Amino acid sequence: MPTPYSFIKCPPATQPNEPPECEQRRQQISGDIVNASNGWQLGFVNALQDFPTTIDPSNVNSCEGTFVGGFHLAPVEEMLVVINDMRQGFRVNGQPLCPMLIWSTVAGDPTLVFVDLESPIPFTIVPTPSLNCPAYHFCFNTGA
């Protein structure tokens, strides 16, 4: 029997034929805190989750569950402010995180975003067919 969401076509969370070292890099950087040049703290969570699970504070893989208090799901507007810090900080042995799909927000609205930190256009908003699509996420502590 089909699930209620079986008709929804979610975008892929990673690129086709992604090499195994991409998952290894995500695992290595997950849970680490990167200090941005403006004083913010940045983190990445290597867990494919739907949006409601991602923002559930009781979920161990949410921003609140992975990092100390004060962390929140990184909005696109904030990621643009610290893109250079993200490019430098989210590396493993000099290698960047591979392109991937993340949950974020734009003007407060849940949004799927394709992230390629090595691209001149690092964030691409993609159609969000459902809040149940699996994606990764970044967490920020802006001190606000």
N, C-alpha and C. Protein backbone atom coordinates (compact mmCIF):
# COMPACT_ATOMS: atom_id res chain seq x y z
N MET A 1 0.84 -1.18 0.00
CA MET A 1 0.00 0.00 0.00
C MET A 1 0.89 1.24 0.00
N PRO A 2 0.59 2.20 -0.86
CA PRO A 2 1.43 3.40 -0.91
C PRO A 2 1.26 4.26 0.34
N THR A 3 2.35 4.94 0.69
CA THR A 3 2.29 5.87 1.82
C THR A 3 1.59 7.15 1.37
N PRO A 4 1.14 7.97 2.31
CA PRO A 4 0.47 9.22 1.91
C PRO A 4 1.36 10.13 1.08
N TYR A 5 2.68 9.95 1.20
CA TYR A 5 3.60 10.83 0.49
C TYR A 5 4.28 10.14 -0.68
N SER A 6 3.83 8.96 -1.07
CA SER A 6 4.52 8.21 -2.12
C SER A 6 4.44 8.89 -3.48
N PHE A 7 3.51 9.80 -3.66
CA PHE A 7 3.38 10.50 -4.93
C PHE A 7 4.34 11.69 -5.03
N ILE A 8 4.96 12.06 -3.95
CA ILE A 8 5.84 13.22 -3.93
C ILE A 8 7.22 12.83 -4.43
N LYS A 9 7.75 13.62 -5.35
CA LYS A 9 9.09 13.38 -5.87
C LYS A 9 10.03 14.41 -5.24
N CYS A 10 10.79 13.97 -4.28
CA CYS A 10 11.76 14.85 -3.61
C CYS A 10 13.04 14.90 -4.43
N PRO A 11 13.71 16.05 -4.41
CA PRO A 11 15.02 16.10 -5.08
C PRO A 11 16.02 15.22 -4.34
N PRO A 12 17.02 14.71 -5.05
CA PRO A 12 18.02 13.86 -4.37
C PRO A 12 18.86 14.68 -3.40
N ALA A 13 19.23 14.06 -2.28
CA ALA A 13 20.02 14.75 -1.26
C ALA A 13 21.48 14.90 -1.65
N THR A 14 21.95 14.04 -2.53
CA THR A 14 23.34 14.11 -3.00
C THR A 14 23.35 13.96 -4.51
N GLN A 15 24.49 14.21 -5.10
CA GLN A 15 24.61 14.07 -6.55
C GLN A 15 24.68 12.60 -6.93
N PRO A 16 24.19 12.28 -8.13
CA PRO A 16 24.29 10.89 -8.59
C PRO A 16 25.76 10.46 -8.64
N ASN A 17 26.00 9.23 -8.31
CA ASN A 17 27.36 8.67 -8.33
C ASN A 17 28.34 9.44 -7.44
N GLU A 18 27.83 9.95 -6.32
CA GLU A 18 28.71 10.63 -5.37
C GLU A 18 29.77 9.65 -4.85
N PRO A 19 31.04 10.06 -4.84
CA PRO A 19 32.07 9.14 -4.33
C PRO A 19 31.92 8.92 -2.82
N PRO A 20 32.36 7.77 -2.32
CA PRO A 20 32.21 7.46 -0.89
C PRO A 20 32.92 8.44 0.03
N GLU A 21 33.97 9.10 -0.44
CA GLU A 21 34.66 10.04 0.43
C GLU A 21 33.79 11.24 0.80
N CYS A 22 32.73 11.50 0.03
CA CYS A 22 31.83 12.60 0.37
C CYS A 22 31.10 12.30 1.68
N GLU A 23 30.58 11.10 1.81
CA GLU A 23 29.91 10.72 3.06
C GLU A 23 30.90 10.70 4.22
N GLN A 24 32.12 10.25 3.96
CA GLN A 24 33.15 10.25 5.00
C GLN A 24 33.45 11.67 5.49
N ARG A 25 33.52 12.63 4.56
CA ARG A 25 33.77 14.02 4.96
C ARG A 25 32.61 14.55 5.78
N ARG A 26 31.38 14.25 5.35
CA ARG A 26 30.22 14.72 6.12
C ARG A 26 30.25 14.14 7.53
N GLN A 27 30.59 12.85 7.64
CA GLN A 27 30.67 12.23 8.97
C GLN A 27 31.74 12.89 9.82
N GLN A 28 32.88 13.21 9.23
CA GLN A 28 34.00 13.78 9.99
C GLN A 28 33.69 15.18 10.49
N ILE A 29 32.99 15.98 9.72
CA ILE A 29 32.74 17.38 10.09
C ILE A 29 31.47 17.52 10.94
N SER A 30 30.60 16.53 10.91
CA SER A 30 29.33 16.61 11.62
C SER A 30 29.54 16.79 13.12
N GLY A 31 28.89 17.81 13.66
CA GLY A 31 28.98 18.07 15.09
C GLY A 31 30.11 18.99 15.49
N ASP A 32 31.04 19.27 14.56
CA ASP A 32 32.13 20.21 14.86
C ASP A 32 31.59 21.64 14.79
N ILE A 33 32.23 22.53 15.52
CA ILE A 33 31.86 23.94 15.49
C ILE A 33 32.97 24.72 14.80
N VAL A 34 32.56 25.51 13.80
CA VAL A 34 33.47 26.39 13.07
C VAL A 34 33.20 27.81 13.56
N ASN A 35 34.25 28.51 13.96
CA ASN A 35 34.11 29.90 14.39
C ASN A 35 34.27 30.82 13.19
N ALA A 36 33.23 31.57 12.89
CA ALA A 36 33.25 32.50 11.76
C ALA A 36 33.98 33.78 12.13
N SER A 37 34.43 34.50 11.13
CA SER A 37 35.20 35.73 11.35
C SER A 37 34.37 36.83 12.01
N ASN A 38 33.04 36.74 11.92
CA ASN A 38 32.19 37.76 12.55
C ASN A 38 31.75 37.37 13.96
N GLY A 39 32.28 36.27 14.49
CA GLY A 39 31.95 35.84 15.85
C GLY A 39 30.86 34.78 15.93
N TRP A 40 30.22 34.48 14.81
CA TRP A 40 29.19 33.45 14.82
C TRP A 40 29.85 32.08 14.94
N GLN A 41 29.06 31.11 15.38
CA GLN A 41 29.49 29.71 15.40
C GLN A 41 28.64 28.96 14.38
N LEU A 42 29.30 28.11 13.60
CA LEU A 42 28.64 27.38 12.52
C LEU A 42 28.83 25.88 12.74
N GLY A 43 27.81 25.12 12.43
CA GLY A 43 27.90 23.67 12.56
C GLY A 43 27.15 22.98 11.44
N PHE A 44 27.46 21.71 11.23
CA PHE A 44 26.80 20.89 10.22
C PHE A 44 26.34 19.60 10.89
N VAL A 45 25.16 19.12 10.48
CA VAL A 45 24.64 17.86 11.02
C VAL A 45 24.47 16.87 9.87
N ASN A 46 25.16 15.76 9.95
CA ASN A 46 25.12 14.73 8.91
C ASN A 46 23.98 13.76 9.20
N ALA A 47 22.77 14.22 9.01
CA ALA A 47 21.60 13.37 9.21
C ALA A 47 20.56 13.77 8.18
N LEU A 48 20.13 12.82 7.36
CA LEU A 48 19.06 13.08 6.41
C LEU A 48 17.74 13.03 7.17
N GLN A 49 17.03 14.16 7.16
CA GLN A 49 15.79 14.26 7.93
C GLN A 49 14.79 15.13 7.18
N ASP A 50 13.52 14.93 7.49
CA ASP A 50 12.50 15.84 6.96
C ASP A 50 12.53 17.13 7.78
N PHE A 51 11.81 18.14 7.31
CA PHE A 51 11.87 19.44 7.99
C PHE A 51 11.33 19.39 9.42
N PRO A 52 10.16 18.79 9.67
CA PRO A 52 9.66 18.77 11.06
C PRO A 52 10.65 18.11 12.03
N THR A 53 11.32 17.04 11.60
CA THR A 53 12.29 16.37 12.46
C THR A 53 13.51 17.26 12.67
N THR A 54 13.94 17.94 11.60
CA THR A 54 15.12 18.81 11.66
C THR A 54 14.96 19.90 12.71
N ILE A 55 13.77 20.47 12.82
CA ILE A 55 13.58 21.59 13.75
C ILE A 55 13.01 21.19 15.11
N ASP A 56 12.79 19.90 15.32
CA ASP A 56 12.27 19.41 16.60
C ASP A 56 13.37 19.47 17.67
N PRO A 57 13.26 20.34 18.66
CA PRO A 57 14.33 20.49 19.65
C PRO A 57 14.62 19.23 20.45
N SER A 58 13.69 18.28 20.50
CA SER A 58 13.94 17.05 21.24
C SER A 58 14.68 16.01 20.40
N ASN A 59 14.86 16.26 19.12
CA ASN A 59 15.58 15.36 18.23
C ASN A 59 17.08 15.53 18.46
N VAL A 60 17.79 14.44 18.69
CA VAL A 60 19.24 14.53 18.95
C VAL A 60 20.00 15.04 17.73
N ASN A 61 19.41 14.95 16.53
CA ASN A 61 20.06 15.44 15.32
C ASN A 61 19.54 16.81 14.88
N SER A 62 18.85 17.51 15.76
CA SER A 62 18.45 18.89 15.46
C SER A 62 19.60 19.80 15.86
N CYS A 63 19.49 21.08 15.55
CA CYS A 63 20.53 22.03 15.97
C CYS A 63 20.66 22.05 17.48
N GLU A 64 19.51 22.07 18.18
CA GLU A 64 19.52 22.10 19.65
C GLU A 64 20.04 20.79 20.23
N GLY A 65 19.74 19.68 19.55
CA GLY A 65 20.15 18.37 20.05
C GLY A 65 21.62 18.06 19.80
N THR A 66 22.18 18.61 18.73
CA THR A 66 23.57 18.34 18.38
C THR A 66 24.53 19.32 19.04
N PHE A 67 24.12 20.58 19.11
CA PHE A 67 24.99 21.64 19.62
C PHE A 67 24.40 22.20 20.92
N VAL A 68 25.16 23.03 21.58
CA VAL A 68 24.68 23.67 22.80
C VAL A 68 23.58 24.65 22.46
N GLY A 69 22.90 25.15 23.49
CA GLY A 69 21.82 26.12 23.27
C GLY A 69 22.29 27.32 22.47
N GLY A 70 21.35 27.94 21.79
CA GLY A 70 21.65 29.11 20.99
C GLY A 70 21.79 28.82 19.51
N PHE A 71 21.90 27.55 19.14
CA PHE A 71 22.01 27.20 17.72
C PHE A 71 20.62 27.07 17.10
N HIS A 72 20.53 27.47 15.84
CA HIS A 72 19.27 27.39 15.10
C HIS A 72 19.56 26.96 13.66
N LEU A 73 18.54 26.51 12.97
CA LEU A 73 18.67 26.15 11.57
C LEU A 73 19.14 27.37 10.79
N ALA A 74 20.17 27.21 9.99
CA ALA A 74 20.78 28.33 9.28
C ALA A 74 19.91 28.79 8.11
N PRO A 75 19.42 30.03 8.17
CA PRO A 75 18.68 30.59 7.04
C PRO A 75 19.63 30.96 5.90
N VAL A 76 19.14 30.95 4.68
CA VAL A 76 19.96 31.34 3.54
C VAL A 76 20.53 32.73 3.74
N GLU A 77 19.74 33.64 4.29
CA GLU A 77 20.21 35.01 4.49
C GLU A 77 21.45 35.06 5.36
N GLU A 78 21.53 34.20 6.38
CA GLU A 78 22.70 34.17 7.26
C GLU A 78 23.87 33.44 6.61
N MET A 79 23.57 32.38 5.85
CA MET A 79 24.66 31.66 5.17
C MET A 79 25.39 32.57 4.19
N LEU A 80 24.65 33.46 3.54
CA LEU A 80 25.28 34.39 2.60
C LEU A 80 26.27 35.32 3.30
N VAL A 81 26.00 35.66 4.55
CA VAL A 81 26.88 36.55 5.32
C VAL A 81 28.22 35.88 5.60
N VAL A 82 28.22 34.58 5.83
CA VAL A 82 29.44 33.88 6.25
C VAL A 82 29.90 32.84 5.23
N ILE A 83 29.56 33.04 3.95
CA ILE A 83 29.92 32.04 2.94
C ILE A 83 31.43 31.77 2.91
N ASN A 84 32.26 32.79 3.04
CA ASN A 84 33.70 32.55 3.00
C ASN A 84 34.16 31.71 4.19
N ASP A 85 33.56 31.94 5.35
CA ASP A 85 33.89 31.13 6.53
C ASP A 85 33.42 29.69 6.33
N MET A 86 32.27 29.51 5.70
CA MET A 86 31.77 28.16 5.43
C MET A 86 32.71 27.44 4.46
N ARG A 87 33.14 28.15 3.42
CA ARG A 87 34.05 27.55 2.43
C ARG A 87 35.36 27.11 3.08
N GLN A 88 35.88 27.90 4.01
CA GLN A 88 37.14 27.57 4.65
C GLN A 88 36.98 26.58 5.80
N GLY A 89 35.91 26.74 6.58
CA GLY A 89 35.75 25.95 7.79
C GLY A 89 35.22 24.55 7.61
N PHE A 90 34.40 24.34 6.59
CA PHE A 90 33.82 23.02 6.37
C PHE A 90 34.64 22.23 5.37
N ARG A 91 35.86 21.90 5.80
CA ARG A 91 36.81 21.13 5.00
C ARG A 91 37.36 19.99 5.86
N VAL A 92 37.72 18.91 5.19
CA VAL A 92 38.37 17.78 5.85
C VAL A 92 39.65 17.51 5.08
N ASN A 93 40.77 17.65 5.75
CA ASN A 93 42.08 17.49 5.10
C ASN A 93 42.18 18.33 3.84
N GLY A 94 41.67 19.55 3.91
CA GLY A 94 41.74 20.47 2.79
C GLY A 94 40.66 20.28 1.74
N GLN A 95 39.88 19.23 1.86
CA GLN A 95 38.84 18.93 0.87
C GLN A 95 37.49 19.46 1.36
N PRO A 96 36.72 20.10 0.46
CA PRO A 96 35.43 20.67 0.86
C PRO A 96 34.35 19.60 1.01
N LEU A 97 33.29 19.99 1.70
CA LEU A 97 32.11 19.13 1.70
C LEU A 97 31.60 19.04 0.27
N CYS A 98 31.10 17.89 -0.11
CA CYS A 98 30.56 17.71 -1.45
C CYS A 98 29.19 18.39 -1.55
N PRO A 99 28.78 18.73 -2.76
CA PRO A 99 27.46 19.33 -2.95
C PRO A 99 26.37 18.44 -2.37
N MET A 100 25.35 19.10 -1.77
CA MET A 100 24.28 18.34 -1.12
C MET A 100 23.04 19.22 -0.96
N LEU A 101 21.94 18.57 -0.66
CA LEU A 101 20.68 19.24 -0.40
C LEU A 101 20.54 19.46 1.10
N ILE A 102 20.13 20.67 1.48
CA ILE A 102 19.94 20.98 2.90
C ILE A 102 18.57 21.60 3.13
N TRP A 103 18.12 21.52 4.38
CA TRP A 103 16.98 22.30 4.82
C TRP A 103 17.48 23.64 5.30
N SER A 104 16.77 24.69 4.94
CA SER A 104 17.08 26.04 5.38
C SER A 104 15.76 26.79 5.41
N THR A 105 15.86 28.10 5.54
CA THR A 105 14.67 28.95 5.41
C THR A 105 15.06 30.16 4.58
N VAL A 106 14.06 30.73 3.94
CA VAL A 106 14.19 32.01 3.24
C VAL A 106 13.04 32.87 3.74
N ALA A 107 13.36 33.98 4.36
CA ALA A 107 12.36 34.85 4.96
C ALA A 107 11.45 34.07 5.91
N GLY A 108 12.04 33.08 6.61
CA GLY A 108 11.31 32.28 7.58
C GLY A 108 10.56 31.08 7.03
N ASP A 109 10.50 30.93 5.71
CA ASP A 109 9.78 29.80 5.11
C ASP A 109 10.71 28.62 4.89
N PRO A 110 10.29 27.39 5.29
CA PRO A 110 11.11 26.20 5.05
C PRO A 110 11.42 26.05 3.56
N THR A 111 12.68 25.81 3.26
CA THR A 111 13.13 25.79 1.87
C THR A 111 14.24 24.76 1.70
N LEU A 112 14.15 23.99 0.62
CA LEU A 112 15.26 23.12 0.25
C LEU A 112 16.26 23.93 -0.56
N VAL A 113 17.54 23.71 -0.25
CA VAL A 113 18.60 24.47 -0.90
C VAL A 113 19.69 23.49 -1.31
N PHE A 114 20.12 23.59 -2.58
CA PHE A 114 21.27 22.81 -3.02
C PHE A 114 22.52 23.64 -2.71
N VAL A 115 23.43 23.05 -1.95
CA VAL A 115 24.64 23.75 -1.51
C VAL A 115 25.86 23.16 -2.22
N ASP A 116 26.61 24.04 -2.84
CA ASP A 116 27.90 23.68 -3.42
C ASP A 116 28.87 24.78 -3.00
N LEU A 117 29.57 24.55 -1.90
CA LEU A 117 30.43 25.57 -1.31
C LEU A 117 31.58 25.99 -2.21
N GLU A 118 31.91 25.20 -3.23
CA GLU A 118 33.00 25.54 -4.13
C GLU A 118 32.52 26.31 -5.36
N SER A 119 31.23 26.45 -5.51
CA SER A 119 30.67 27.12 -6.68
C SER A 119 30.61 28.63 -6.46
N PRO A 120 30.70 29.41 -7.55
CA PRO A 120 30.50 30.86 -7.42
C PRO A 120 29.09 31.19 -6.92
N ILE A 121 28.14 30.30 -7.20
CA ILE A 121 26.77 30.44 -6.68
C ILE A 121 26.55 29.27 -5.72
N PRO A 122 26.92 29.46 -4.44
CA PRO A 122 26.93 28.33 -3.50
C PRO A 122 25.57 27.82 -3.06
N PHE A 123 24.52 28.65 -3.16
CA PHE A 123 23.20 28.26 -2.68
C PHE A 123 22.18 28.41 -3.80
N THR A 124 21.52 27.32 -4.12
CA THR A 124 20.49 27.34 -5.14
C THR A 124 19.19 26.86 -4.52
N ILE A 125 18.19 27.73 -4.49
CA ILE A 125 16.87 27.34 -3.98
C ILE A 125 16.27 26.35 -4.96
N VAL A 126 15.77 25.24 -4.45
CA VAL A 126 15.14 24.24 -5.31
C VAL A 126 13.67 24.09 -4.91
N PRO A 127 12.84 23.67 -5.83
CA PRO A 127 11.43 23.47 -5.47
C PRO A 127 11.31 22.53 -4.27
N THR A 128 10.43 22.90 -3.36
CA THR A 128 10.22 22.13 -2.14
C THR A 128 8.85 21.48 -2.22
N PRO A 129 8.78 20.24 -2.75
CA PRO A 129 7.48 19.61 -2.95
C PRO A 129 6.80 19.19 -1.65
N SER A 130 7.59 19.02 -0.59
CA SER A 130 7.03 18.53 0.67
C SER A 130 8.01 18.82 1.80
N LEU A 131 7.48 19.06 2.99
CA LEU A 131 8.33 19.21 4.17
C LEU A 131 8.89 17.87 4.62
N ASN A 132 8.45 16.79 3.96
CA ASN A 132 8.90 15.45 4.31
C ASN A 132 10.10 14.97 3.49
N CYS A 133 10.63 15.82 2.62
CA CYS A 133 11.81 15.44 1.83
C CYS A 133 13.03 15.35 2.75
N PRO A 134 13.89 14.34 2.54
CA PRO A 134 15.09 14.22 3.37
C PRO A 134 16.20 15.14 2.88
N ALA A 135 16.85 15.81 3.83
CA ALA A 135 17.97 16.70 3.51
C ALA A 135 18.82 16.87 4.77
N TYR A 136 20.04 17.37 4.58
CA TYR A 136 20.95 17.67 5.67
C TYR A 136 20.65 19.08 6.19
N HIS A 137 21.46 19.59 7.13
CA HIS A 137 21.29 20.97 7.56
C HIS A 137 22.52 21.54 8.27
N PHE A 138 22.63 22.87 8.16
CA PHE A 138 23.64 23.63 8.88
C PHE A 138 22.95 24.33 10.05
N CYS A 139 23.70 24.56 11.11
CA CYS A 139 23.20 25.23 12.30
C CYS A 139 24.12 26.40 12.63
N PHE A 140 23.52 27.51 13.03
CA PHE A 140 24.30 28.70 13.37
C PHE A 140 23.94 29.18 14.76
N ASN A 141 24.93 29.73 15.43
CA ASN A 141 24.72 30.47 16.66
C ASN A 141 25.23 31.87 16.39
N THR A 142 24.30 32.80 16.21
CA THR A 142 24.66 34.18 15.86
C THR A 142 24.76 35.07 17.09
N GLY A 143 24.49 34.50 18.26
CA GLY A 143 24.52 35.28 19.48
C GLY A 143 23.27 36.13 19.67
N ALA A 144 22.33 36.00 18.76
CA ALA A 144 21.09 36.79 18.86
C ALA A 144 20.09 36.11 19.77
